[in-house]
Every structure is written in structure tokens, then in C-alpha cells.
N, C-alpha and C. Protein backbone atom coordinates (compact mmCIF):
# COMPACT_ATOMS: atom_id res chain seq x y z
N MET A 1 -9.05 -16.44 -22.28
CA MET A 1 -8.84 -16.33 -20.37
C MET A 1 -8.10 -17.06 -20.23
N GLY A 2 -8.42 -18.30 -20.47
CA GLY A 2 -7.67 -19.14 -19.53
C GLY A 2 -8.54 -20.05 -18.55
N ARG A 3 -7.93 -20.93 -18.10
CA ARG A 3 -8.46 -21.35 -17.03
C ARG A 3 -8.27 -21.00 -15.35
N LEU A 4 -9.42 -20.57 -14.69
CA LEU A 4 -9.70 -19.66 -13.54
C LEU A 4 -9.05 -20.84 -12.48
N PHE A 5 -7.97 -20.31 -11.54
CA PHE A 5 -7.58 -20.99 -10.31
C PHE A 5 -7.93 -19.99 -9.47
N VAL A 6 -8.95 -20.82 -8.29
CA VAL A 6 -9.42 -19.89 -7.21
C VAL A 6 -8.23 -20.86 -6.07
N VAL A 7 -7.91 -20.07 -5.28
CA VAL A 7 -7.54 -20.21 -4.06
C VAL A 7 -7.85 -20.60 -2.66
N THR A 8 -8.16 -21.88 -2.00
CA THR A 8 -9.16 -21.40 -0.59
C THR A 8 -8.00 -21.59 0.65
N LEU A 9 -8.52 -20.56 0.95
CA LEU A 9 -8.00 -20.62 2.57
C LEU A 9 -8.65 -20.93 3.49
N GLU A 10 -7.60 -21.29 4.41
CA GLU A 10 -8.61 -21.78 5.76
C GLU A 10 -8.26 -21.20 6.44
N GLY A 11 -9.27 -21.08 7.76
CA GLY A 11 -9.24 -20.23 8.73
C GLY A 11 -9.97 -18.93 8.80
N LYS A 12 -10.01 -17.71 9.73
CA LYS A 12 -11.01 -16.74 9.36
C LYS A 12 -10.41 -15.89 8.13
N ILE A 13 -11.56 -16.34 7.39
CA ILE A 13 -11.01 -15.69 6.05
C ILE A 13 -12.20 -14.38 5.80
N TYR A 14 -11.56 -13.57 4.73
CA TYR A 14 -12.18 -12.11 4.37
C TYR A 14 -12.16 -12.54 3.03
N SER A 15 -13.38 -12.19 2.69
CA SER A 15 -13.71 -12.70 1.06
C SER A 15 -14.83 -11.70 0.30
N CYS A 16 -15.12 -11.88 -0.91
CA CYS A 16 -15.43 -11.07 -1.70
C CYS A 16 -17.10 -10.89 -1.59
N LYS A 17 -17.57 -9.36 -1.06
CA LYS A 17 -19.25 -9.82 -0.98
C LYS A 17 -19.90 -9.66 -1.84
N HIS A 18 -19.28 -9.94 -3.18
CA HIS A 18 -20.54 -10.41 -4.25
C HIS A 18 -20.64 -11.99 -4.67
N CYS A 19 -19.13 -12.03 -4.89
CA CYS A 19 -19.51 -14.19 -5.07
C CYS A 19 -18.83 -14.93 -3.98
N ARG A 20 -18.12 -14.51 -2.84
CA ARG A 20 -17.57 -15.31 -1.65
C ARG A 20 -16.23 -15.30 -2.09
N THR A 21 -15.66 -15.15 -2.82
CA THR A 21 -14.28 -15.78 -3.55
C THR A 21 -13.52 -15.35 -2.19
N HIS A 22 -12.09 -16.02 -1.56
CA HIS A 22 -11.60 -16.28 -0.33
C HIS A 22 -10.56 -15.39 -0.87
N LEU A 23 -10.61 -13.87 -0.16
CA LEU A 23 -9.45 -12.67 -0.56
C LEU A 23 -8.25 -12.71 0.58
N ALA A 24 -8.60 -12.76 1.88
CA ALA A 24 -7.33 -12.69 2.94
C ALA A 24 -7.87 -13.17 4.28
N LEU A 25 -6.34 -13.60 4.93
CA LEU A 25 -6.79 -14.12 5.96
C LEU A 25 -6.73 -13.06 7.49
N TYR A 26 -7.20 -13.34 8.56
CA TYR A 26 -7.18 -12.66 9.94
C TYR A 26 -5.77 -12.23 10.36
N GLU A 27 -4.91 -13.36 10.29
CA GLU A 27 -4.01 -13.53 10.78
C GLU A 27 -3.14 -12.23 10.02
N ASP A 28 -3.72 -11.72 8.88
CA ASP A 28 -2.66 -11.14 7.62
C ASP A 28 -2.80 -9.64 7.63
N ILE A 29 -3.74 -9.12 8.57
CA ILE A 29 -4.58 -8.08 8.74
C ILE A 29 -3.45 -7.05 9.83
N VAL A 30 -2.64 -6.12 9.11
CA VAL A 30 -1.76 -5.24 9.27
C VAL A 30 -2.15 -3.92 10.35
N SER A 31 -3.19 -3.52 9.91
CA SER A 31 -3.95 -2.51 10.61
C SER A 31 -5.56 -2.32 10.34
N LYS A 32 -6.42 -2.21 11.13
CA LYS A 32 -7.93 -1.93 10.85
C LYS A 32 -8.31 -0.50 10.65
N SER A 33 -7.43 0.44 11.00
CA SER A 33 -7.90 2.15 10.88
C SER A 33 -7.25 2.47 9.57
N PHE A 34 -7.61 2.00 8.61
CA PHE A 34 -8.14 2.39 7.31
C PHE A 34 -9.30 2.94 6.88
N HIS A 35 -9.45 4.06 5.60
CA HIS A 35 -10.50 3.96 5.31
C HIS A 35 -10.28 4.37 3.25
N CYS A 36 -11.27 3.80 2.95
CA CYS A 36 -11.68 3.72 1.75
C CYS A 36 -12.27 4.86 1.11
N ARG A 37 -12.41 5.24 0.15
CA ARG A 37 -13.44 6.33 -0.19
C ARG A 37 -14.90 5.87 -0.10
N HIS A 38 -15.05 4.49 0.48
CA HIS A 38 -16.61 4.01 0.51
C HIS A 38 -16.93 3.78 1.93
N GLY A 39 -15.41 3.60 2.60
CA GLY A 39 -16.11 3.65 3.85
C GLY A 39 -14.44 3.00 4.90
N LYS A 40 -14.89 2.47 5.68
CA LYS A 40 -13.61 1.27 6.65
C LYS A 40 -13.23 0.41 5.55
N ALA A 41 -11.71 0.45 5.69
CA ALA A 41 -10.91 -0.57 5.02
C ALA A 41 -9.65 -1.37 6.03
N TYR A 42 -9.38 -2.18 5.57
CA TYR A 42 -8.15 -2.86 6.38
C TYR A 42 -6.94 -2.99 5.84
N LEU A 43 -5.62 -3.34 6.26
CA LEU A 43 -4.79 -2.79 5.79
C LEU A 43 -4.16 -4.48 5.72
N PHE A 44 -3.86 -5.48 4.40
CA PHE A 44 -3.15 -6.53 4.84
C PHE A 44 -1.99 -6.47 4.44
N SER A 45 -1.34 -7.92 5.01
CA SER A 45 0.58 -8.23 4.12
C SER A 45 0.72 -8.62 3.46
N LYS A 46 -0.85 -9.56 2.90
CA LYS A 46 -0.91 -10.07 1.45
C LYS A 46 -2.39 -10.84 1.30
N VAL A 47 -2.94 -10.83 0.63
CA VAL A 47 -4.20 -11.39 -0.21
C VAL A 47 -3.68 -12.62 -1.49
N ALA A 48 -4.98 -13.25 -1.57
CA ALA A 48 -5.32 -14.08 -2.74
C ALA A 48 -6.51 -13.43 -3.53
N ASN A 49 -6.57 -14.57 -4.68
CA ASN A 49 -7.46 -14.32 -5.29
C ASN A 49 -7.95 -12.93 -6.04
N VAL A 50 -7.03 -12.49 -6.56
CA VAL A 50 -6.88 -10.68 -6.88
C VAL A 50 -6.48 -11.09 -7.88
N THR A 51 -6.68 -9.65 -9.21
CA THR A 51 -5.73 -9.30 -10.44
C THR A 51 -5.29 -7.92 -9.69
N VAL A 52 -4.22 -7.45 -9.98
CA VAL A 52 -3.61 -6.30 -9.35
C VAL A 52 -4.09 -5.37 -11.30
N GLY A 53 -4.66 -4.02 -11.33
CA GLY A 53 -4.48 -3.23 -12.22
C GLY A 53 -3.72 -2.10 -12.64
N VAL A 54 -3.33 -0.94 -13.01
CA VAL A 54 -2.39 0.34 -13.78
C VAL A 54 -2.46 0.54 -12.28
N LYS A 55 -1.08 0.80 -12.16
CA LYS A 55 -0.59 1.55 -11.27
C LYS A 55 -0.68 3.00 -11.32
N GLU A 56 -1.30 3.50 -10.49
CA GLU A 56 -1.29 5.32 -10.97
C GLU A 56 -0.92 6.30 -9.35
N ASP A 57 -1.13 7.33 -9.47
CA ASP A 57 -0.42 7.61 -8.49
C ASP A 57 -2.16 8.59 -8.12
N ARG A 58 -1.82 8.56 -6.67
CA ARG A 58 -3.38 8.78 -5.74
C ARG A 58 -3.27 9.70 -4.67
N LEU A 59 -3.57 10.80 -4.59
CA LEU A 59 -3.84 11.43 -3.24
C LEU A 59 -4.81 10.75 -2.26
N MET A 60 -4.09 10.28 -1.23
CA MET A 60 -5.07 9.34 -0.21
C MET A 60 -4.81 10.91 0.84
N MET A 61 -5.58 9.48 2.16
CA MET A 61 -5.61 10.65 3.26
C MET A 61 -4.26 10.92 3.81
N THR A 62 -3.16 10.21 3.48
CA THR A 62 -1.81 10.24 4.18
C THR A 62 -0.84 10.71 3.30
N GLY A 63 -1.33 11.36 2.14
CA GLY A 63 -0.70 11.73 1.05
C GLY A 63 -0.48 10.88 -0.07
N LEU A 64 0.18 11.17 -1.06
CA LEU A 64 0.08 10.90 -2.27
C LEU A 64 1.21 9.86 -2.02
N HIS A 65 0.30 8.35 -2.76
CA HIS A 65 1.20 7.42 -3.24
C HIS A 65 0.48 6.72 -4.53
N THR A 66 1.39 5.89 -4.41
CA THR A 66 0.96 5.29 -6.05
C THR A 66 1.13 3.74 -5.80
N VAL A 67 -0.23 3.39 -6.24
CA VAL A 67 -1.57 2.51 -5.79
C VAL A 67 -1.73 1.86 -7.19
N ALA A 68 -2.32 0.65 -7.11
CA ALA A 68 -3.20 0.17 -8.55
C ALA A 68 -4.19 -0.67 -7.80
N ASP A 69 -5.28 -0.16 -8.21
CA ASP A 69 -6.53 -1.41 -7.89
C ASP A 69 -6.63 -2.65 -8.18
N ILE A 70 -6.90 -3.25 -6.71
CA ILE A 70 -7.22 -4.79 -6.93
C ILE A 70 -8.67 -5.50 -7.55
N PHE A 71 -8.75 -6.33 -7.80
CA PHE A 71 -9.89 -6.93 -8.39
C PHE A 71 -10.21 -8.63 -8.35
N CYS A 72 -11.56 -8.76 -7.64
CA CYS A 72 -11.39 -10.12 -7.38
C CYS A 72 -11.29 -10.76 -8.50
N VAL A 73 -10.35 -12.06 -8.79
CA VAL A 73 -10.66 -12.70 -9.57
C VAL A 73 -12.00 -13.95 -10.19
N GLY A 74 -12.71 -13.65 -9.13
CA GLY A 74 -13.95 -14.46 -9.48
C GLY A 74 -15.35 -13.64 -10.01
N CYS A 75 -15.55 -12.60 -9.59
CA CYS A 75 -16.57 -12.02 -10.48
C CYS A 75 -16.11 -10.82 -11.00
N GLY A 76 -14.77 -9.80 -10.62
CA GLY A 76 -13.80 -8.85 -11.55
C GLY A 76 -14.40 -7.60 -10.65
N SER A 77 -15.22 -7.45 -9.50
CA SER A 77 -15.26 -6.39 -8.46
C SER A 77 -13.90 -5.59 -8.00
N ILE A 78 -14.07 -4.66 -7.94
CA ILE A 78 -12.99 -3.76 -7.25
C ILE A 78 -13.37 -3.75 -5.88
N VAL A 79 -11.94 -4.64 -5.06
CA VAL A 79 -12.10 -5.21 -3.56
C VAL A 79 -11.24 -3.83 -2.65
N GLY A 80 -10.66 -3.33 -3.92
CA GLY A 80 -9.48 -2.50 -3.17
C GLY A 80 -8.21 -1.79 -3.63
N TRP A 81 -6.90 -1.76 -2.74
CA TRP A 81 -5.83 -1.41 -3.76
C TRP A 81 -4.89 -2.18 -3.44
N LYS A 82 -3.46 -1.81 -4.22
CA LYS A 82 -2.27 -2.09 -3.69
C LYS A 82 -1.22 -1.12 -3.88
N TYR A 83 -0.27 -1.07 -2.43
CA TYR A 83 0.29 0.15 -2.36
C TYR A 83 1.52 -0.09 -2.83
N VAL A 84 1.88 0.73 -3.69
CA VAL A 84 3.52 0.13 -4.87
C VAL A 84 4.38 0.84 -4.16
N ARG A 85 4.23 2.17 -4.16
CA ARG A 85 5.22 3.16 -3.57
C ARG A 85 4.55 3.79 -2.54
N ALA A 86 4.81 4.31 -1.27
CA ALA A 86 3.90 4.95 -0.20
C ALA A 86 5.22 5.49 0.47
N GLY A 87 4.97 7.06 0.46
CA GLY A 87 5.73 7.50 1.14
C GLY A 87 7.21 7.63 0.80
N GLY A 88 7.58 7.51 -0.28
CA GLY A 88 8.60 7.72 -0.73
C GLY A 88 9.05 5.91 -1.54
N THR A 89 8.97 4.84 -0.58
CA THR A 89 9.67 3.38 -0.73
C THR A 89 8.40 2.20 -0.97
N ASP A 90 8.83 1.72 -1.13
CA ASP A 90 8.21 0.52 -1.92
C ASP A 90 7.52 0.13 -0.77
N SER A 91 6.16 -0.87 -1.26
CA SER A 91 5.58 -1.11 -0.14
C SER A 91 5.27 -2.42 -0.72
N LYS A 92 4.61 -3.56 -0.12
CA LYS A 92 4.21 -4.87 -0.28
C LYS A 92 2.79 -5.13 0.03
N ASN A 93 1.85 -3.62 0.68
CA ASN A 93 0.63 -3.88 1.67
C ASN A 93 -0.43 -3.57 0.53
N TYR A 94 -1.37 -4.26 1.23
CA TYR A 94 -2.68 -4.26 0.10
C TYR A 94 -3.55 -3.48 1.03
N GLY A 95 -5.13 -2.78 0.55
CA GLY A 95 -5.66 -2.37 1.27
C GLY A 95 -7.16 -2.96 0.70
N LEU A 96 -7.38 -3.23 1.60
CA LEU A 96 -9.02 -4.14 0.94
C LEU A 96 -10.28 -3.35 1.73
N CYS A 97 -11.18 -2.79 0.66
CA CYS A 97 -12.37 -1.76 0.88
C CYS A 97 -13.48 -3.10 1.92
N MET A 98 -13.81 -2.91 3.16
CA MET A 98 -14.57 -3.63 3.80
C MET A 98 -16.16 -2.59 4.00
N PHE A 99 -16.61 -3.24 2.96
CA PHE A 99 -18.19 -2.99 2.73
C PHE A 99 -19.17 -3.60 3.62
N PRO A 100 -20.37 -2.50 4.10
CA PRO A 100 -21.28 -3.16 4.94
C PRO A 100 -21.85 -4.07 4.23
């Protein structure tokens, strides 16, 4: 596969619950009023240390969106999704599931 490079974020961070790899900064939160199929989720403008899966159309609470699941580079766990197309427009936001 190749050598794994992990970015270390500084400040208040959100990390993978399984391996603690840094994923996002508090200052990059766009919204805290999201939900995923497992509970609470946050919308971020940017994230780090993730790989993007295959894009697919998914029916969400706000309608049909084109999304791709995102996975932690440290352990491969699914950590959320990336909006590819939301409401008919291109989007660059990421939803991270916040597990208890």
C-alpha cells in the first residue's frame, strides 16, 4: 500500500474513537445540528487523515444527496461521510459521526 503519513493537528481536535488519529479541528465546525444513522454528527468544512470511499446517492433526512463514506487512515474505521453533491449543488463539507 505504501507509507502512511498522518497529519498532527494542533488545538482543540476531534479524533477517531478507535485509534485516536486526529481528524478535524474545532474551528472547522460548520454545524453541530446533524445526525447520522448512529446518532449525533457534526458538519466540518475540512478534515484530515481520511480516505474517501465510493460515491453513492443516499436518502438522508434532508433529501437525496450524493455522498461518499470517509474512513480513518489510522485504522480504516468509517468515521462519517463527505457530501459530493447536496441539494443539486457541489459541496465540500464533511459529516463526522460523533460516537459516545
